Amino acid sequence: MSTTEEGNAYTNYSLTEAARGNPNELWPHSGDHAPAAPAPPASAAQPLSKQATHIYTVSYLIFFSLLGTLARLGLQALTFYTGAPVVTGVLWANVGGSLVMGFLSEDHNLFREEWGETATKEPATGPVENEPNIKKERHKAVKKTIPLYIGLTTGFCGCFTSFSTFMRDVFLALANALPDPSLPTGSHIASRNGGYSFMALVAVVLLNVSLSLSALIFGAHLALALTRVTPTVPFALTRRVLDRVVVVLACGCWLGAVFLAIWPPDRHNGPDVWRGRAVFALVFSPLGCLLRFYVSLHLNSRIPTFPLGTFVVNIFGTIIEGLCYDLQHVSGLGAVVPAALTGCQVLQGVMDGFCGSTTTISTWVSELKGLSHRRYAYMYGSASVLVALGFLVIIMGSLLWTRGFDEAVCG
């Protein structure tokens, strides 16, 4: 990768490449990279160093990964209730994250000041600059180099949604082992014909993919409908306040999660449940988010018709999810033995935090919508689902159909 620096204020070539290869754009100009953003005028703020830009971007990713993970876990808990029409709680998290992604991708007001110069006030360099489509594509290209925007889309939306949890539910639907809140605790799901299991698999896939795509499009429509009332984030506020504050917040919040994992807040008052439900997930989620960001940065631009980076992290996270689920449901490791409570909670934290943040639905459906030809989208989407399901059949199926799943002690 070239190290040539751009003239953008507090941006650099590597982040510009991240924007070009980042699939967060809803409807790109073509299947290739977005056009490079031109340098701002001399009146713009002085550029920061590459190191400062990198620190700000990583800090936003860490901070918003924590918020996205908490939002996903909270929404999953709220939507998993007795009599729920859909028992895959991650569905609503995927829908919510995709909606926010669609809004941010299509919005033209929040980051209108871009790098310190309002886009609508820039002098035109030629007749073509007056075309709305050119200005729209230029703004999208510039927007994807802003650390705050990267944090909101890659950090928050990416961690709010989870491809690995979605694929785990797909396998459990196939295996007739999908948890149902309407069943009494400890009861077993009645056996059924294999044809019904296939229909359950198709239902989970269709519900997640179709609703997430619909939410992505609705978010874009919502951004267009609210154009007149959507405020603009001042560039001075972002650069002088938010960028500096988020460095402290990111480090402090992540360290706080680590301290809560070491000294649980509920240890003195009763059963230790918080670490398994949220705290361990917060410890591992920034690692997954950063892994996804850097892998996508280096791999997504290599094949314009197949976002390789997102595919790799989605499959990798799904494999780790299946392995951790197996370890949770094997006697002596995550199940039955009370002394294994902490180990079971750590495995749950890896699944909810690391795997949930490494994999993403919001970026995935954005790529499906943005690929230049429909056949590429069908190939990419089908390959992602089939390969991930194949790995889970091998990993989780080998345990389920030989020894069976035991009840997790932290379940």
Protein backbone atom coordinates (compact mmCIF):
# COMPACT_ATOMS: atom_id res chain seq x y z
CA MET A 1 0.00 0.00 0.00
CA SER A 2 1.39 3.40 -0.92
CA THR A 3 2.32 5.82 1.83
CA THR A 4 1.68 8.98 -0.18
CA GLU A 5 0.00 11.55 2.06
CA GLU A 6 -3.10 13.50 1.09
CA GLY A 7 -3.42 17.22 1.73
CA ASN A 8 -6.57 16.77 3.79
CA ALA A 9 -6.74 18.35 7.23
CA TYR A 10 -5.87 15.73 9.87
CA THR A 11 -6.27 12.85 7.44
CA ASN A 12 -3.73 10.66 5.67
CA TYR A 13 -3.49 8.22 2.82
CA SER A 14 -4.18 5.13 4.89
CA LEU A 15 -7.45 6.52 6.19
CA THR A 16 -8.43 7.69 2.75
CA GLU A 17 -7.82 4.17 1.52
CA ALA A 18 -9.95 2.93 4.40
CA ALA A 19 -12.75 5.10 3.13
CA ARG A 20 -12.32 3.91 -0.42
CA GLY A 21 -12.31 0.28 0.63
CA ASN A 22 -14.83 0.73 3.43
CA PRO A 23 -18.22 -0.67 2.37
CA ASN A 24 -20.22 1.68 4.56
CA GLU A 25 -21.44 3.64 1.53
CA LEU A 26 -25.02 2.73 0.73
CA TRP A 27 -25.12 3.33 -3.03
CA PRO A 28 -21.59 3.90 -4.34
CA HIS A 29 -20.83 5.42 -7.70
CA SER A 30 -19.64 2.08 -9.02
CA GLY A 31 -18.38 -1.27 -7.85
CA ASP A 32 -14.87 0.13 -7.54
CA HIS A 33 -13.50 2.52 -4.95
CA ALA A 34 -15.17 5.84 -4.25
CA PRO A 35 -13.42 8.81 -5.84
CA ALA A 36 -10.64 10.36 -3.80
CA ALA A 37 -11.58 13.52 -1.94
CA PRO A 38 -9.83 16.65 -3.20
CA ALA A 39 -7.65 18.64 -0.83
CA PRO A 40 -9.43 21.37 1.13
CA PRO A 41 -8.72 25.04 0.49
CA ALA A 42 -5.93 26.87 2.25
CA SER A 43 -8.44 28.37 4.71
CA ALA A 44 -9.06 24.97 6.28
CA ALA A 45 -7.51 24.03 9.61
CA GLN A 46 -3.91 22.95 9.78
CA PRO A 47 -3.48 19.22 9.24
CA LEU A 48 -2.69 16.95 12.15
CA SER A 49 -0.05 14.26 12.09
CA LYS A 50 -0.78 10.74 10.90
CA GLN A 51 -0.28 9.52 14.45
CA ALA A 52 -2.92 11.89 15.86
CA THR A 53 -5.39 10.95 13.16
CA HIS A 54 -4.82 7.28 13.83
CA ILE A 55 -5.23 7.73 17.59
CA TYR A 56 -8.51 9.60 17.14
CA THR A 57 -9.88 6.97 14.77
CA VAL A 58 -8.94 4.06 17.03
CA SER A 59 -10.38 5.89 20.05
CA TYR A 60 -13.71 6.42 18.30
CA LEU A 61 -13.77 2.75 17.28
CA ILE A 62 -13.11 1.59 20.85
CA PHE A 63 -15.67 3.92 22.42
CA PHE A 64 -18.46 3.24 19.96
CA SER A 65 -17.77 -0.50 19.95
CA LEU A 66 -18.61 -0.51 23.66
CA LEU A 67 -21.84 1.41 23.05
CA GLY A 68 -22.79 -0.80 20.11
CA THR A 69 -22.21 -3.99 22.08
CA LEU A 70 -24.29 -2.72 25.01
CA ALA A 71 -27.07 -1.70 22.64
CA ARG A 72 -27.07 -5.15 21.01
CA LEU A 73 -27.12 -7.05 24.30
CA GLY A 74 -29.81 -4.80 25.73
CA LEU A 75 -32.04 -5.09 22.68
CA GLN A 76 -31.59 -8.86 22.59
CA ALA A 77 -32.70 -9.09 26.22
CA LEU A 78 -35.71 -6.84 25.62
CA THR A 79 -36.95 -8.79 22.59
CA PHE A 80 -36.54 -12.29 24.08
CA TYR A 81 -39.77 -12.74 26.03
CA THR A 82 -42.57 -15.24 26.50
CA GLY A 83 -44.84 -15.35 23.48
CA ALA A 84 -42.42 -13.43 21.24
CA PRO A 85 -43.34 -13.87 17.56
CA VAL A 86 -39.62 -14.08 16.69
CA VAL A 87 -37.30 -15.85 19.13
CA THR A 88 -34.02 -14.76 17.51
CA GLY A 89 -33.29 -11.68 19.60
CA VAL A 90 -30.38 -10.57 17.44
CA LEU A 91 -32.82 -9.89 14.59
CA TRP A 92 -33.89 -6.56 16.08
CA ALA A 93 -30.32 -5.55 16.81
CA ASN A 94 -29.42 -6.25 13.19
CA VAL A 95 -32.40 -4.22 12.02
CA GLY A 96 -31.53 -1.31 14.30
CA GLY A 97 -27.87 -1.22 13.32
CA SER A 98 -28.69 -1.43 9.62
CA LEU A 99 -31.17 1.44 9.96
CA VAL A 100 -28.57 3.67 11.59
CA MET A 101 -26.04 2.68 8.93
CA GLY A 102 -28.45 3.62 6.15
CA PHE A 103 -29.15 6.99 7.78
CA LEU A 104 -25.48 7.87 8.23
CA SER A 105 -24.55 6.74 4.72
CA GLU A 106 -27.20 8.85 3.00
CA ASP A 107 -27.13 11.89 5.30
CA HIS A 108 -25.56 15.07 3.91
CA ASN A 109 -25.95 17.43 6.88
CA LEU A 110 -24.22 15.95 9.91
CA PHE A 111 -20.76 16.19 8.36
CA ARG A 112 -21.48 18.99 5.91
CA GLU A 113 -18.56 21.08 7.18
CA GLU A 114 -16.27 18.15 6.37
CA TRP A 115 -12.70 19.27 7.14
CA GLY A 116 -13.53 22.80 8.22
CA GLU A 117 -15.04 24.18 5.01
CA THR A 118 -18.75 23.86 4.29
CA ALA A 119 -19.10 21.73 1.17
CA THR A 120 -21.86 23.86 -0.33
CA LYS A 121 -19.69 26.98 -0.18
CA GLU A 122 -16.64 25.63 -1.93
CA PRO A 123 -15.82 27.30 -5.25
CA ALA A 124 -16.42 25.15 -8.29
CA THR A 125 -13.39 24.09 -10.27
CA GLY A 126 -15.37 23.50 -13.44
CA PRO A 127 -18.86 23.03 -14.82
CA VAL A 128 -18.98 19.42 -13.77
CA GLU A 129 -18.70 20.40 -10.09
CA ASN A 130 -22.19 21.90 -10.29
CA GLU A 131 -23.75 18.53 -10.93
CA PRO A 132 -25.55 17.24 -7.81
CA ASN A 133 -24.36 13.68 -8.29
CA ILE A 134 -20.71 14.73 -8.41
CA LYS A 135 -21.08 16.75 -5.22
CA LYS A 136 -22.91 13.87 -3.57
CA GLU A 137 -20.20 11.36 -4.42
CA ARG A 138 -17.49 13.78 -3.36
CA HIS A 139 -19.14 14.35 0.01
CA LYS A 140 -19.48 10.61 0.59
CA ALA A 141 -15.80 10.13 -0.19
CA VAL A 142 -14.73 12.91 2.17
CA LYS A 143 -17.14 11.81 4.89
CA LYS A 144 -15.60 8.36 5.04
CA THR A 145 -12.23 9.85 6.04
CA ILE A 146 -13.61 11.57 9.16
CA PRO A 147 -12.75 9.69 12.39
CA LEU A 148 -16.14 10.41 14.00
CA TYR A 149 -17.98 8.99 10.99
CA ILE A 150 -15.75 5.90 10.98
CA GLY A 151 -16.50 5.42 14.67
CA LEU A 152 -20.26 5.69 14.18
CA THR A 153 -20.46 3.34 11.19
CA THR A 154 -17.65 0.83 11.68
CA GLY A 155 -17.70 1.09 15.47
CA PHE A 156 -21.29 1.53 16.62
CA CYS A 157 -23.26 0.04 13.72
CA GLY A 158 -20.77 -2.76 13.18
CA CYS A 159 -20.92 -3.83 16.84
CA PHE A 160 -24.66 -3.22 17.18
CA THR A 161 -25.15 -5.97 14.58
CA SER A 162 -23.69 -9.48 14.58
CA PHE A 163 -23.29 -11.94 11.73
CA SER A 164 -21.92 -14.72 13.97
CA THR A 165 -24.93 -14.65 16.32
CA PHE A 166 -27.24 -14.65 13.31
CA MET A 167 -25.50 -17.72 11.87
CA ARG A 168 -25.54 -19.47 15.24
CA ASP A 169 -29.32 -19.01 15.32
CA VAL A 170 -29.52 -20.36 11.77
CA PHE A 171 -27.75 -23.55 12.82
CA LEU A 172 -29.82 -23.91 16.00
CA ALA A 173 -32.98 -23.55 13.93
CA LEU A 174 -31.71 -26.30 11.62
CA ALA A 175 -30.88 -28.52 14.62
CA ASN A 176 -34.20 -27.84 16.39
CA ALA A 177 -32.26 -26.38 19.32
CA LEU A 178 -33.22 -22.71 19.07
CA PRO A 179 -33.98 -21.36 22.58
CA ASP A 180 -37.66 -20.55 23.09
CA PRO A 181 -38.62 -18.23 25.98
CA SER A 182 -42.14 -19.68 25.99
CA LEU A 183 -40.88 -23.09 27.14
CA PRO A 184 -40.44 -23.76 30.89
CA THR A 185 -36.87 -23.73 32.15
CA GLY A 186 -35.23 -27.13 31.80
CA SER A 187 -37.83 -28.54 29.42
CA HIS A 188 -36.81 -30.12 26.13
CA ILE A 189 -37.96 -29.05 22.68
CA ALA A 190 -40.19 -31.65 21.03
CA SER A 191 -38.61 -33.47 18.11
CA ARG A 192 -39.82 -32.69 14.60
CA ASN A 193 -39.46 -33.78 11.01
CA GLY A 194 -36.32 -32.72 9.17
CA GLY A 195 -38.40 -30.83 6.64
CA TYR A 196 -39.64 -28.51 9.37
CA SER A 197 -36.06 -27.88 10.44
CA PHE A 198 -35.18 -26.86 6.88
CA MET A 199 -38.13 -24.46 6.79
CA ALA A 200 -37.01 -23.00 10.13
CA LEU A 201 -33.52 -22.45 8.71
CA VAL A 202 -34.90 -20.66 5.66
CA ALA A 203 -37.19 -18.55 7.85
CA VAL A 204 -34.34 -17.30 10.05
CA VAL A 205 -32.18 -16.46 7.02
CA LEU A 206 -34.97 -14.66 5.18
CA LEU A 207 -36.10 -12.72 8.24
CA ASN A 208 -32.63 -11.43 9.08
CA VAL A 209 -31.45 -10.62 5.57
CA SER A 210 -34.69 -9.12 4.25
CA LEU A 211 -35.44 -7.03 7.34
CA SER A 212 -31.85 -5.80 7.61
CA LEU A 213 -31.83 -4.77 3.94
CA SER A 214 -35.20 -3.08 4.39
CA ALA A 215 -33.93 -1.23 7.46
CA LEU A 216 -30.86 -0.07 5.52
CA ILE A 217 -33.03 1.39 2.76
CA PHE A 218 -35.49 2.88 5.26
CA GLY A 219 -32.61 4.56 7.09
CA ALA A 220 -31.51 6.17 3.82
CA HIS A 221 -35.06 7.34 3.14
CA LEU A 222 -35.27 8.71 6.68
CA ALA A 223 -32.08 10.72 6.16
CA LEU A 224 -33.53 12.26 3.00
CA ALA A 225 -36.84 13.01 4.70
CA LEU A 226 -35.13 14.74 7.64
CA THR A 227 -32.68 16.75 5.55
CA ARG A 228 -34.21 20.09 6.53
CA VAL A 229 -34.11 19.41 10.27
CA THR A 230 -30.88 17.41 10.59
CA PRO A 231 -28.24 19.57 12.31
CA THR A 232 -24.62 19.91 11.29
CA VAL A 233 -21.83 18.88 13.64
CA PRO A 234 -19.48 21.90 13.83
CA PHE A 235 -15.99 21.08 12.67
CA ALA A 236 -14.46 23.17 15.46
CA LEU A 237 -16.40 21.20 18.08
CA THR A 238 -15.33 17.89 16.57
CA ARG A 239 -11.66 18.75 16.30
CA ARG A 240 -11.12 20.81 19.45
CA VAL A 241 -13.41 18.95 21.85
CA LEU A 242 -14.78 15.59 20.71
CA ASP A 243 -11.57 14.22 19.21
CA ARG A 244 -9.64 14.95 22.39
CA VAL A 245 -12.31 13.89 24.85
CA VAL A 246 -12.93 10.56 23.11
CA VAL A 247 -9.30 9.51 23.66
CA VAL A 248 -9.84 9.74 27.42
CA LEU A 249 -13.31 8.19 27.25
CA ALA A 250 -12.19 5.24 25.15
CA CYS A 251 -9.28 4.35 27.42
CA GLY A 252 -11.28 4.99 30.58
CA CYS A 253 -14.33 2.99 29.53
CA TRP A 254 -12.29 0.03 28.34
CA LEU A 255 -10.21 0.00 31.53
CA GLY A 256 -13.41 0.35 33.54
CA ALA A 257 -14.79 -2.78 31.87
CA VAL A 258 -11.59 -4.65 32.74
CA PHE A 259 -11.82 -3.54 36.38
CA LEU A 260 -15.48 -4.56 36.55
CA ALA A 261 -14.50 -7.99 35.24
CA ILE A 262 -11.87 -8.31 37.98
CA TRP A 263 -14.09 -6.95 40.76
CA PRO A 264 -17.73 -7.65 39.78
CA PRO A 265 -20.23 -5.14 41.22
CA ASP A 266 -22.66 -7.88 42.31
CA ARG A 267 -20.17 -10.23 43.99
CA HIS A 268 -20.94 -8.96 47.53
CA ASN A 269 -24.70 -9.08 47.13
CA GLY A 270 -25.53 -12.39 45.51
CA PRO A 271 -24.90 -14.52 42.42
CA ASP A 272 -22.25 -13.35 39.98
CA VAL A 273 -24.23 -12.66 36.80
CA TRP A 274 -23.06 -9.30 35.45
CA ARG A 275 -19.74 -10.56 34.13
CA GLY A 276 -21.41 -13.16 31.95
CA ARG A 277 -24.19 -10.89 30.72
CA ALA A 278 -22.24 -7.79 29.77
CA VAL A 279 -18.88 -7.10 31.41
CA PHE A 280 -16.75 -9.74 29.68
CA ALA A 281 -18.40 -8.80 26.38
CA LEU A 282 -17.26 -5.20 26.88
CA VAL A 283 -13.72 -6.36 27.59
CA PHE A 284 -13.49 -8.25 24.29
CA SER A 285 -15.61 -6.08 21.96
CA PRO A 286 -12.96 -3.41 21.11
CA LEU A 287 -10.56 -6.16 20.06
CA GLY A 288 -13.10 -7.55 17.61
CA CYS A 289 -13.97 -4.11 16.25
CA LEU A 290 -10.33 -3.18 15.64
CA LEU A 291 -9.64 -6.55 14.02
CA ARG A 292 -12.56 -6.04 11.63
CA PHE A 293 -11.45 -2.50 10.81
CA TYR A 294 -7.85 -3.41 9.93
CA VAL A 295 -8.72 -6.60 8.04
CA SER A 296 -11.31 -4.73 5.96
CA LEU A 297 -8.83 -1.90 5.42
CA HIS A 298 -6.29 -4.24 3.85
CA LEU A 299 -8.52 -6.75 2.05
CA ASN A 300 -11.77 -5.08 0.96
CA SER A 301 -10.23 -3.18 -1.94
CA ARG A 302 -8.51 -6.20 -3.48
CA ILE A 303 -11.59 -7.63 -5.20
CA PRO A 304 -14.10 -4.89 -6.13
CA THR A 305 -16.89 -7.41 -6.78
CA PHE A 306 -16.33 -9.41 -3.58
CA PRO A 307 -15.57 -7.55 -0.30
CA LEU A 308 -12.96 -10.00 0.91
CA GLY A 309 -12.23 -8.29 4.22
CA THR A 310 -15.79 -8.41 5.53
CA PHE A 311 -16.16 -11.97 4.28
CA VAL A 312 -13.02 -13.09 6.12
CA VAL A 313 -13.95 -11.50 9.46
CA ASN A 314 -17.53 -12.78 9.27
CA ILE A 315 -16.38 -16.35 8.66
CA PHE A 316 -13.59 -16.13 11.24
CA GLY A 317 -15.93 -14.74 13.90
CA THR A 318 -18.53 -17.40 13.14
CA ILE A 319 -15.93 -20.16 13.56
CA ILE A 320 -14.86 -18.78 16.96
CA GLU A 321 -18.54 -18.48 17.93
CA GLY A 322 -19.12 -22.15 17.16
CA LEU A 323 -16.04 -23.26 19.08
CA CYS A 324 -16.99 -21.24 22.17
CA TYR A 325 -20.57 -22.51 22.04
CA ASP A 326 -19.29 -26.09 22.00
CA LEU A 327 -16.99 -25.46 24.96
CA GLN A 328 -19.89 -23.93 26.87
CA HIS A 329 -22.09 -26.98 26.36
CA VAL A 330 -19.62 -29.79 27.12
CA SER A 331 -19.73 -31.38 30.57
CA GLY A 332 -16.79 -30.32 32.69
CA LEU A 333 -15.99 -27.15 30.75
CA GLY A 334 -18.95 -24.82 30.47
CA ALA A 335 -21.72 -27.07 31.70
CA VAL A 336 -22.85 -28.84 34.88
CA VAL A 337 -19.79 -28.17 37.03
CA PRO A 338 -20.49 -25.07 39.22
CA ALA A 339 -16.77 -24.27 39.48
CA ALA A 340 -16.77 -23.63 35.72
CA LEU A 341 -18.96 -20.53 36.10
CA THR A 342 -16.16 -18.08 35.38
CA GLY A 343 -14.96 -20.06 32.37
CA CYS A 344 -18.49 -20.22 31.02
CA GLN A 345 -18.87 -16.45 31.47
CA VAL A 346 -15.60 -15.78 29.68
CA LEU A 347 -16.77 -17.92 26.75
CA GLN A 348 -20.05 -15.98 26.70
CA GLY A 349 -18.08 -12.74 26.69
CA VAL A 350 -15.99 -13.92 23.75
CA MET A 351 -19.15 -14.83 21.81
CA ASP A 352 -21.07 -11.64 22.61
CA GLY A 353 -18.10 -9.29 22.62
CA PHE A 354 -15.30 -10.48 20.38
CA CYS A 355 -17.30 -12.52 17.85
CA GLY A 356 -20.25 -10.12 17.89
CA SER A 357 -17.97 -7.16 17.16
CA THR A 358 -15.68 -8.94 14.71
CA THR A 359 -18.65 -9.85 12.53
CA THR A 360 -21.24 -7.42 11.21
CA ILE A 361 -24.56 -7.38 9.43
CA SER A 362 -24.85 -3.63 8.79
CA THR A 363 -21.71 -3.48 6.64
CA TRP A 364 -22.60 -6.78 5.00
CA VAL A 365 -26.04 -5.65 3.81
CA SER A 366 -24.57 -2.30 2.79
CA GLU A 367 -22.14 -4.17 0.56
CA LEU A 368 -24.93 -6.32 -0.84
CA LYS A 369 -26.85 -3.17 -1.75
CA GLY A 370 -23.82 -1.35 -3.11
CA LEU A 371 -22.23 -3.95 -5.40
CA SER A 372 -22.32 -2.89 -9.04
CA HIS A 373 -24.26 -5.94 -10.33
CA ARG A 374 -26.95 -8.03 -8.68
CA ARG A 375 -25.24 -11.29 -9.54
CA TYR A 376 -22.21 -10.20 -7.50
CA ALA A 377 -24.49 -9.45 -4.56
CA TYR A 378 -26.19 -12.85 -4.78
CA MET A 379 -22.83 -14.61 -5.07
CA TYR A 380 -21.34 -12.71 -2.14
CA GLY A 381 -24.39 -13.10 0.10
CA SER A 382 -24.84 -16.80 -0.70
CA ALA A 383 -21.15 -17.55 -0.18
CA SER A 384 -21.16 -15.81 3.21
CA VAL A 385 -24.19 -17.70 4.51
CA LEU A 386 -23.31 -21.11 3.05
CA VAL A 387 -19.65 -21.09 4.11
CA ALA A 388 -20.50 -19.91 7.63
CA LEU A 389 -23.27 -22.50 7.97
CA GLY A 390 -20.97 -25.21 6.67
CA PHE A 391 -18.39 -24.45 9.36
CA LEU A 392 -21.06 -24.46 12.08
CA VAL A 393 -22.45 -27.80 10.88
CA ILE A 394 -18.94 -29.25 11.22
CA ILE A 395 -18.08 -27.57 14.53
CA MET A 396 -21.38 -27.51 16.42
CA GLY A 397 -23.06 -30.38 14.60
CA SER A 398 -20.28 -32.82 15.42
CA LEU A 399 -20.93 -32.30 19.13
CA LEU A 400 -24.72 -32.01 19.00
CA TRP A 401 -25.27 -35.14 16.91
CA THR A 402 -22.80 -37.30 18.87
CA ARG A 403 -22.89 -36.33 22.55
CA GLY A 404 -25.54 -33.63 22.56
CA PHE A 405 -25.50 -30.20 24.18
CA ASP A 406 -25.47 -29.97 27.98
CA GLU A 407 -27.03 -27.02 29.79
CA ALA A 408 -24.53 -24.18 30.20
CA VAL A 409 -23.89 -23.36 33.85
CA CYS A 410 -24.04 -19.62 33.09
CA GLY A 411 -27.16 -19.94 30.93
